Protein backbone atom coordinates (compact mmCIF):
# COMPACT_ATOMS: atom_id res chain seq x y z
CA UNK A 1 0.00 0.00 0.00
CA UNK A 2 1.41 3.40 -0.93
CA UNK A 3 1.75 6.02 1.78
CA UNK A 4 -0.78 8.24 -0.01
CA UNK A 5 -3.44 5.52 0.26
CA UNK A 6 -2.46 4.87 3.87
CA UNK A 7 -2.72 8.56 4.69
CA UNK A 8 -6.12 8.73 2.97
CA UNK A 9 -7.53 6.08 5.31
CA UNK A 10 -5.94 7.25 8.56
CA UNK A 11 -8.12 9.25 10.90
CA UNK A 12 -8.10 13.03 10.61
CA UNK A 13 -8.52 13.43 14.38
CA UNK A 14 -7.51 10.22 16.14
CA UNK A 15 -8.23 10.03 19.81
CA UNK A 16 -10.43 8.68 22.51
CA UNK A 17 -13.89 9.58 23.67
CA UNK A 18 -14.42 10.72 27.30
CA UNK A 19 -14.91 7.11 28.44
CA UNK A 20 -11.44 6.21 27.15
CA UNK A 21 -12.56 4.22 24.12
CA UNK A 22 -10.86 4.72 20.78
CA UNK A 23 -13.26 6.28 18.35
CA UNK A 24 -13.47 6.14 14.61
CA UNK A 25 -14.04 9.40 12.86
CA UNK A 26 -13.50 10.86 9.46
CA UNK A 27 -10.55 9.73 7.41
CA UNK A 28 -8.18 12.40 6.16
CA UNK A 29 -9.65 11.92 2.68
CA UNK A 30 -13.22 12.38 3.95
CA UNK A 31 -12.24 15.44 5.95
CA UNK A 32 -10.38 17.09 3.07
CA UNK A 33 -13.22 16.29 0.65
CA UNK A 34 -15.71 17.84 3.07
CA UNK A 35 -13.67 21.02 3.30
CA UNK A 36 -13.40 21.22 -0.48
CA UNK A 37 -17.14 20.61 -0.84
CA UNK A 38 -17.85 23.36 1.66
CA UNK A 39 -15.88 25.77 -0.51
CA UNK A 40 -17.53 24.62 -3.73
CA UNK A 41 -21.00 24.85 -2.19
CA UNK A 42 -20.37 28.39 -0.96
CA UNK A 43 -20.29 29.39 -4.63
CA UNK A 44 -22.91 26.90 -5.86
CA UNK A 45 -25.70 28.48 -7.85
CA UNK A 46 -26.95 25.42 -9.73
CA UNK A 47 -25.09 26.71 -12.74
CA UNK A 48 -22.97 24.57 -15.03
CA UNK A 49 -22.26 21.86 -12.43
CA UNK A 50 -24.76 19.54 -10.86
CA UNK A 51 -24.26 18.41 -7.28
CA UNK A 52 -22.75 15.05 -8.30
CA UNK A 53 -20.08 16.90 -10.25
CA UNK A 54 -19.28 18.98 -7.17
CA UNK A 55 -19.00 15.79 -5.09
CA UNK A 56 -16.55 14.32 -7.61
CA UNK A 57 -14.59 17.56 -7.71
CA UNK A 58 -14.37 17.52 -3.91
CA UNK A 59 -13.05 13.95 -3.84
CA UNK A 60 -10.58 14.74 -6.63
CA UNK A 61 -9.36 17.78 -4.69
CA UNK A 62 -8.87 15.66 -1.55
CA UNK A 63 -6.94 13.04 -3.51
CA UNK A 64 -4.74 15.70 -5.13
CA UNK A 65 -3.99 17.22 -1.73
CA UNK A 66 -3.07 13.85 -0.23
CA UNK A 67 -0.78 13.11 -3.20
CA UNK A 68 0.90 16.52 -2.95
CA UNK A 69 1.43 16.15 0.79
CA UNK A 70 2.91 12.70 0.28
CA UNK A 71 5.23 13.96 -2.50
CA UNK A 72 6.55 16.64 -0.13
CA UNK A 73 7.34 13.98 2.49
CA UNK A 74 9.37 11.72 0.18
PDB file of N, CA and C in Angstrom:
ATOM      1  N   UNK A   1       0.850  -1.187   0.000  1.00  0.00           N
ATOM      2  CA  UNK A   1       0.000   0.000   0.000  1.00  0.00           C
ATOM      3  C   UNK A   1       0.888   1.240   0.000  1.00  0.00           C
ATOM      4  N   UNK A   2       0.618   2.182  -0.897  1.00  0.00           N
ATOM      5  CA  UNK A   2       1.410   3.404  -0.927  1.00  0.00           C
ATOM      6  C   UNK A   2       1.069   4.253   0.289  1.00  0.00           C
ATOM      7  N   UNK A   3       1.989   5.138   0.631  1.00  0.00           N
ATOM      8  CA  UNK A   3       1.749   6.016   1.775  1.00  0.00           C
ATOM      9  C   UNK A   3       0.561   6.928   1.537  1.00  0.00           C
ATOM     10  N   UNK A   4       0.351   7.358   0.282  1.00  0.00           N
ATOM     11  CA  UNK A   4      -0.778   8.237  -0.009  1.00  0.00           C
ATOM     12  C   UNK A   4      -2.093   7.530   0.317  1.00  0.00           C
ATOM     13  N   UNK A   5      -2.207   6.256  -0.059  1.00  0.00           N
ATOM     14  CA  UNK A   5      -3.437   5.524   0.257  1.00  0.00           C
ATOM     15  C   UNK A   5      -3.555   5.304   1.759  1.00  0.00           C
ATOM     16  N   UNK A   6      -2.433   5.034   2.417  1.00  0.00           N
ATOM     17  CA  UNK A   6      -2.462   4.870   3.873  1.00  0.00           C
ATOM     18  C   UNK A   6      -2.925   6.170   4.525  1.00  0.00           C
ATOM     19  N   UNK A   7      -2.348   7.279   4.100  1.00  0.00           N
ATOM     20  CA  UNK A   7      -2.723   8.562   4.687  1.00  0.00           C
ATOM     21  C   UNK A   7      -4.177   8.901   4.428  1.00  0.00           C
ATOM     22  N   UNK A   8      -4.724   8.448   3.299  1.00  0.00           N
ATOM     23  CA  UNK A   8      -6.125   8.726   2.973  1.00  0.00           C
ATOM     24  C   UNK A   8      -7.066   7.997   3.911  1.00  0.00           C
ATOM     25  N   UNK A   9      -6.647   6.865   4.450  1.00  0.00           N
ATOM     26  CA  UNK A   9      -7.530   6.084   5.312  1.00  0.00           C
ATOM     27  C   UNK A   9      -7.261   6.290   6.792  1.00  0.00           C
ATOM     28  N   UNK A  10      -6.176   6.982   7.149  1.00  0.00           N
ATOM     29  CA  UNK A  10      -5.937   7.245   8.565  1.00  0.00           C
ATOM     30  C   UNK A  10      -6.900   8.315   9.049  1.00  0.00           C
ATOM     31  N   UNK A  11      -7.155   8.322  10.339  1.00  0.00           N
ATOM     32  CA  UNK A  11      -8.123   9.254  10.904  1.00  0.00           C
ATOM     33  C   UNK A  11      -7.587  10.680  10.881  1.00  0.00           C
ATOM     34  N   UNK A  12      -8.468  11.619  10.603  1.00  0.00           N
ATOM     35  CA  UNK A  12      -8.099  13.029  10.610  1.00  0.00           C
ATOM     36  C   UNK A  12      -7.847  13.511  12.043  1.00  0.00           C
ATOM     37  N   UNK A  13      -8.636  13.016  12.983  1.00  0.00           N
ATOM     38  CA  UNK A  13      -8.525  13.434  14.379  1.00  0.00           C
ATOM     39  C   UNK A  13      -8.568  12.207  15.287  1.00  0.00           C
ATOM     40  N   UNK A  14      -7.490  11.417  15.308  1.00  0.00           N
ATOM     41  CA  UNK A  14      -7.515  10.221  16.142  1.00  0.00           C
ATOM     42  C   UNK A  14      -7.575  10.602  17.619  1.00  0.00           C
ATOM     43  N   UNK A  15      -8.156   9.746  18.391  1.00  0.00           N
ATOM     44  CA  UNK A  15      -8.229  10.026  19.809  1.00  0.00           C
ATOM     45  C   UNK A  15      -9.156   9.070  20.521  1.00  0.00           C
ATOM     46  N   UNK A  16      -9.531   9.484  21.696  1.00  0.00           N
ATOM     47  CA  UNK A  16     -10.425   8.683  22.512  1.00  0.00           C
ATOM     48  C   UNK A  16     -11.601   9.530  22.950  1.00  0.00           C
ATOM     49  N   UNK A  17     -12.739   8.858  23.156  1.00  0.00           N
ATOM     50  CA  UNK A  17     -13.892   9.576  23.675  1.00  0.00           C
ATOM     51  C   UNK A  17     -13.716   9.725  25.197  1.00  0.00           C
ATOM     52  N   UNK A  18     -14.580  10.485  25.855  1.00  0.00           N
ATOM     53  CA  UNK A  18     -14.415  10.719  27.295  1.00  0.00           C
ATOM     54  C   UNK A  18     -14.368   9.444  28.147  1.00  0.00           C
ATOM     55  N   UNK A  19     -14.946   8.351  27.661  1.00  0.00           N
ATOM     56  CA  UNK A  19     -14.914   7.108  28.439  1.00  0.00           C
ATOM     57  C   UNK A  19     -13.624   6.332  28.206  1.00  0.00           C
ATOM     58  N   UNK A  20     -12.729   6.855  27.376  1.00  0.00           N
ATOM     59  CA  UNK A  20     -11.442   6.206  27.149  1.00  0.00           C
ATOM     60  C   UNK A  20     -11.422   5.240  25.986  1.00  0.00           C
ATOM     61  N   UNK A  21     -12.517   5.120  25.265  1.00  0.00           N
ATOM     62  CA  UNK A  21     -12.562   4.215  24.116  1.00  0.00           C
ATOM     63  C   UNK A  21     -12.042   4.919  22.867  1.00  0.00           C
ATOM     64  N   UNK A  22     -11.275   4.174  22.071  1.00  0.00           N
ATOM     65  CA  UNK A  22     -10.858   4.715  20.782  1.00  0.00           C
ATOM     66  C   UNK A  22     -12.101   4.960  19.945  1.00  0.00           C
ATOM     67  N   UNK A  23     -12.102   6.007  19.189  1.00  0.00           N
ATOM     68  CA  UNK A  23     -13.256   6.276  18.346  1.00  0.00           C
ATOM     69  C   UNK A  23     -12.821   6.394  16.890  1.00  0.00           C
ATOM     70  N   UNK A  24     -13.701   5.986  16.043  1.00  0.00           N
ATOM     71  CA  UNK A  24     -13.468   6.137  14.613  1.00  0.00           C
ATOM     72  C   UNK A  24     -14.139   7.436  14.199  1.00  0.00           C
ATOM     73  N   UNK A  25     -13.484   8.144  13.346  1.00  0.00           N
ATOM     74  CA  UNK A  25     -14.044   9.398  12.856  1.00  0.00           C
ATOM     75  C   UNK A  25     -13.823   9.474  11.357  1.00  0.00           C
ATOM     76  N   UNK A  26     -13.738  10.660  10.876  1.00  0.00           N
ATOM     77  CA  UNK A  26     -13.501  10.860   9.457  1.00  0.00           C
ATOM     78  C   UNK A  26     -12.065  10.527   9.098  1.00  0.00           C
ATOM     79  N   UNK A  27     -11.900   9.928   7.922  1.00  0.00           N
ATOM     80  CA  UNK A  27     -10.545   9.735   7.413  1.00  0.00           C
ATOM     81  C   UNK A  27     -10.029  11.079   6.928  1.00  0.00           C
ATOM     82  N   UNK A  28      -8.726  11.174   6.708  1.00  0.00           N
ATOM     83  CA  UNK A  28      -8.176  12.405   6.162  1.00  0.00           C
ATOM     84  C   UNK A  28      -8.822  12.726   4.819  1.00  0.00           C
ATOM     85  N   UNK A  29      -9.045  11.706   3.998  1.00  0.00           N
ATOM     86  CA  UNK A  29      -9.651  11.925   2.680  1.00  0.00           C
ATOM     87  C   UNK A  29     -11.072  12.483   2.832  1.00  0.00           C
ATOM     88  N   UNK A  30     -11.849  11.895   3.731  1.00  0.00           N
ATOM     89  CA  UNK A  30     -13.216  12.375   3.948  1.00  0.00           C
ATOM     90  C   UNK A  30     -13.221  13.815   4.471  1.00  0.00           C
ATOM     91  N   UNK A  31     -12.309  14.103   5.374  1.00  0.00           N
ATOM     92  CA  UNK A  31     -12.237  15.445   5.953  1.00  0.00           C
ATOM     93  C   UNK A  31     -11.859  16.472   4.888  1.00  0.00           C
ATOM     94  N   UNK A  32     -10.803  16.162   4.111  1.00  0.00           N
ATOM     95  CA  UNK A  32     -10.378  17.091   3.068  1.00  0.00           C
ATOM     96  C   UNK A  32     -11.456  17.277   2.011  1.00  0.00           C
ATOM     97  N   UNK A  33     -12.145  16.189   1.647  1.00  0.00           N
ATOM     98  CA  UNK A  33     -13.223  16.288   0.654  1.00  0.00           C
ATOM     99  C   UNK A  33     -14.353  17.165   1.191  1.00  0.00           C
ATOM    100  N   UNK A  34     -14.666  17.024   2.463  1.00  0.00           N
ATOM    101  CA  UNK A  34     -15.711  17.843   3.066  1.00  0.00           C
ATOM    102  C   UNK A  34     -15.357  19.328   3.063  1.00  0.00           C
ATOM    103  N   UNK A  35     -14.092  19.625   3.339  1.00  0.00           N
ATOM    104  CA  UNK A  35     -13.666  21.018   3.301  1.00  0.00           C
ATOM    105  C   UNK A  35     -13.753  21.577   1.880  1.00  0.00           C
ATOM    106  N   UNK A  36     -13.318  20.780   0.911  1.00  0.00           N
ATOM    107  CA  UNK A  36     -13.398  21.216  -0.485  1.00  0.00           C
ATOM    108  C   UNK A  36     -14.859  21.424  -0.884  1.00  0.00           C
ATOM    109  N   UNK A  37     -15.720  20.492  -0.484  1.00  0.00           N
ATOM    110  CA  UNK A  37     -17.141  20.605  -0.837  1.00  0.00           C
ATOM    111  C   UNK A  37     -17.740  21.860  -0.212  1.00  0.00           C
ATOM    112  N   UNK A  38     -17.349  22.164   0.998  1.00  0.00           N
ATOM    113  CA  UNK A  38     -17.852  23.365   1.657  1.00  0.00           C
ATOM    114  C   UNK A  38     -17.507  24.605   0.828  1.00  0.00           C
ATOM    115  N   UNK A  39     -16.278  24.648   0.328  1.00  0.00           N
ATOM    116  CA  UNK A  39     -15.878  25.768  -0.509  1.00  0.00           C
ATOM    117  C   UNK A  39     -16.650  25.816  -1.812  1.00  0.00           C
ATOM    118  N   UNK A  40     -16.781  24.667  -2.472  1.00  0.00           N
ATOM    119  CA  UNK A  40     -17.528  24.621  -3.727  1.00  0.00           C
ATOM    120  C   UNK A  40     -18.988  25.023  -3.514  1.00  0.00           C
ATOM    121  N   UNK A  41     -19.582  24.546  -2.436  1.00  0.00           N
ATOM    122  CA  UNK A  41     -20.998  24.852  -2.188  1.00  0.00           C
ATOM    123  C   UNK A  41     -21.226  26.319  -1.829  1.00  0.00           C
ATOM    124  N   UNK A  42     -20.205  26.968  -1.300  1.00  0.00           N
ATOM    125  CA  UNK A  42     -20.367  28.387  -0.964  1.00  0.00           C
ATOM    126  C   UNK A  42     -20.564  29.232  -2.221  1.00  0.00           C
ATOM    127  N   UNK A  43     -20.140  28.695  -3.359  1.00  0.00           N
ATOM    128  CA  UNK A  43     -20.294  29.389  -4.634  1.00  0.00           C
ATOM    129  C   UNK A  43     -21.311  28.716  -5.541  1.00  0.00           C
ATOM    130  N   UNK A  44     -22.002  27.708  -5.035  1.00  0.00           N
ATOM    131  CA  UNK A  44     -22.910  26.903  -5.855  1.00  0.00           C
ATOM    132  C   UNK A  44     -24.179  27.683  -6.170  1.00  0.00           C
ATOM    133  N   UNK A  45     -24.490  27.779  -7.444  1.00  0.00           N
ATOM    134  CA  UNK A  45     -25.705  28.481  -7.848  1.00  0.00           C
ATOM    135  C   UNK A  45     -26.518  27.650  -8.843  1.00  0.00           C
ATOM    136  N   UNK A  46     -26.284  26.346  -8.808  1.00  0.00           N
ATOM    137  CA  UNK A  46     -26.951  25.424  -9.726  1.00  0.00           C
ATOM    138  C   UNK A  46     -26.677  25.793 -11.178  1.00  0.00           C
ATOM    139  N   UNK A  47     -25.489  26.320 -11.393  1.00  0.00           N
ATOM    140  CA  UNK A  47     -25.092  26.707 -12.744  1.00  0.00           C
ATOM    141  C   UNK A  47     -24.635  25.515 -13.561  1.00  0.00           C
ATOM    142  N   UNK A  48     -23.412  25.597 -14.087  1.00  0.00           N
ATOM    143  CA  UNK A  48     -22.966  24.568 -15.035  1.00  0.00           C
ATOM    144  C   UNK A  48     -22.698  23.200 -14.403  1.00  0.00           C
ATOM    145  N   UNK A  49     -22.577  23.124 -13.089  1.00  0.00           N
ATOM    146  CA  UNK A  49     -22.264  21.858 -12.433  1.00  0.00           C
ATOM    147  C   UNK A  49     -23.458  21.370 -11.623  1.00  0.00           C
ATOM    148  N   UNK A  50     -23.750  20.093 -11.752  1.00  0.00           N
ATOM    149  CA  UNK A  50     -24.764  19.544 -10.859  1.00  0.00           C
ATOM    150  C   UNK A  50     -24.068  19.091  -9.583  1.00  0.00           C
ATOM    151  N   UNK A  51     -24.821  18.730  -8.593  1.00  0.00           N
ATOM    152  CA  UNK A  51     -24.256  18.410  -7.284  1.00  0.00           C
ATOM    153  C   UNK A  51     -23.330  17.204  -7.346  1.00  0.00           C
ATOM    154  N   UNK A  52     -23.622  16.224  -8.188  1.00  0.00           N
ATOM    155  CA  UNK A  52     -22.753  15.053  -8.297  1.00  0.00           C
ATOM    156  C   UNK A  52     -21.381  15.429  -8.857  1.00  0.00           C
ATOM    157  N   UNK A  53     -21.358  16.411  -9.730  1.00  0.00           N
ATOM    158  CA  UNK A  53     -20.081  16.905 -10.252  1.00  0.00           C
ATOM    159  C   UNK A  53     -19.291  17.570  -9.137  1.00  0.00           C
ATOM    160  N   UNK A  54     -19.967  18.340  -8.280  1.00  0.00           N
ATOM    161  CA  UNK A  54     -19.275  18.977  -7.168  1.00  0.00           C
ATOM    162  C   UNK A  54     -18.734  17.942  -6.179  1.00  0.00           C
ATOM    163  N   UNK A  55     -19.476  16.867  -5.973  1.00  0.00           N
ATOM    164  CA  UNK A  55     -19.002  15.795  -5.092  1.00  0.00           C
ATOM    165  C   UNK A  55     -17.723  15.183  -5.670  1.00  0.00           C
ATOM    166  N   UNK A  56     -17.731  14.884  -6.966  1.00  0.00           N
ATOM    167  CA  UNK A  56     -16.548  14.316  -7.607  1.00  0.00           C
ATOM    168  C   UNK A  56     -15.377  15.287  -7.552  1.00  0.00           C
ATOM    169  N   UNK A  57     -15.645  16.558  -7.791  1.00  0.00           N
ATOM    170  CA  UNK A  57     -14.585  17.562  -7.713  1.00  0.00           C
ATOM    171  C   UNK A  57     -13.991  17.621  -6.301  1.00  0.00           C
ATOM    172  N   UNK A  58     -14.833  17.492  -5.299  1.00  0.00           N
ATOM    173  CA  UNK A  58     -14.371  17.521  -3.913  1.00  0.00           C
ATOM    174  C   UNK A  58     -13.470  16.333  -3.606  1.00  0.00           C
ATOM    175  N   UNK A  59     -13.870  15.149  -4.055  1.00  0.00           N
ATOM    176  CA  UNK A  59     -13.049  13.953  -3.841  1.00  0.00           C
ATOM    177  C   UNK A  59     -11.739  14.050  -4.614  1.00  0.00           C
ATOM    178  N   UNK A  60     -11.805  14.562  -5.830  1.00  0.00           N
ATOM    179  CA  UNK A  60     -10.584  14.743  -6.627  1.00  0.00           C
ATOM    180  C   UNK A  60      -9.637  15.734  -5.957  1.00  0.00           C
ATOM    181  N   UNK A  61     -10.186  16.797  -5.386  1.00  0.00           N
ATOM    182  CA  UNK A  61      -9.360  17.784  -4.692  1.00  0.00           C
ATOM    183  C   UNK A  61      -8.697  17.152  -3.467  1.00  0.00           C
ATOM    184  N   UNK A  62      -9.434  16.340  -2.724  1.00  0.00           N
ATOM    185  CA  UNK A  62      -8.870  15.663  -1.555  1.00  0.00           C
ATOM    186  C   UNK A  62      -7.749  14.723  -1.972  1.00  0.00           C
ATOM    187  N   UNK A  63      -7.971  13.966  -3.034  1.00  0.00           N
ATOM    188  CA  UNK A  63      -6.942  13.039  -3.514  1.00  0.00           C
ATOM    189  C   UNK A  63      -5.693  13.786  -3.966  1.00  0.00           C
ATOM    190  N   UNK A  64      -5.882  14.901  -4.665  1.00  0.00           N
ATOM    191  CA  UNK A  64      -4.743  15.696  -5.128  1.00  0.00           C
ATOM    192  C   UNK A  64      -3.957  16.260  -3.946  1.00  0.00           C
ATOM    193  N   UNK A  65      -4.670  16.702  -2.920  1.00  0.00           N
ATOM    194  CA  UNK A  65      -3.992  17.224  -1.729  1.00  0.00           C
ATOM    195  C   UNK A  65      -3.194  16.125  -1.033  1.00  0.00           C
ATOM    196  N   UNK A  66      -3.775  14.961  -0.867  1.00  0.00           N
ATOM    197  CA  UNK A  66      -3.067  13.852  -0.231  1.00  0.00           C
ATOM    198  C   UNK A  66      -1.814  13.472  -1.029  1.00  0.00           C
ATOM    199  N   UNK A  67      -1.938  13.429  -2.355  1.00  0.00           N
ATOM    200  CA  UNK A  67      -0.781  13.109  -3.196  1.00  0.00           C
ATOM    201  C   UNK A  67       0.306  14.169  -3.074  1.00  0.00           C
ATOM    202  N   UNK A  68      -0.079  15.446  -3.068  1.00  0.00           N
ATOM    203  CA  UNK A  68       0.900  16.516  -2.945  1.00  0.00           C
ATOM    204  C   UNK A  68       1.593  16.481  -1.590  1.00  0.00           C
ATOM    205  N   UNK A  69       0.832  16.241  -0.535  1.00  0.00           N
ATOM    206  CA  UNK A  69       1.431  16.150   0.795  1.00  0.00           C
ATOM    207  C   UNK A  69       2.404  14.994   0.876  1.00  0.00           C
ATOM    208  N   UNK A  70       2.031  13.871   0.266  1.00  0.00           N
ATOM    209  CA  UNK A  70       2.912  12.703   0.278  1.00  0.00           C
ATOM    210  C   UNK A  70       4.182  12.982  -0.515  1.00  0.00           C
ATOM    211  N   UNK A  71       4.062  13.648  -1.666  1.00  0.00           N
ATOM    212  CA  UNK A  71       5.228  13.960  -2.497  1.00  0.00           C
ATOM    213  C   UNK A  71       6.203  14.856  -1.737  1.00  0.00           C
ATOM    214  N   UNK A  72       5.689  15.755  -0.900  1.00  0.00           N
ATOM    215  CA  UNK A  72       6.550  16.640  -0.125  1.00  0.00           C
ATOM    216  C   UNK A  72       7.258  15.909   1.005  1.00  0.00           C
ATOM    217  N   UNK A  73       6.736  14.749   1.402  1.00  0.00           N
ATOM    218  CA  UNK A  73       7.344  13.982   2.485  1.00  0.00           C
ATOM    219  C   UNK A  73       8.335  12.947   2.002  1.00  0.00           C
ATOM    220  N   UNK A  74       8.457  12.759   0.705  1.00  0.00           N
ATOM    221  CA  UNK A  74       9.370  11.724   0.177  1.00  0.00           C
ATOM    222  C   UNK A  74      10.760  12.250   0.028  1.00  0.00           C
TER     223      UNK A  74
END
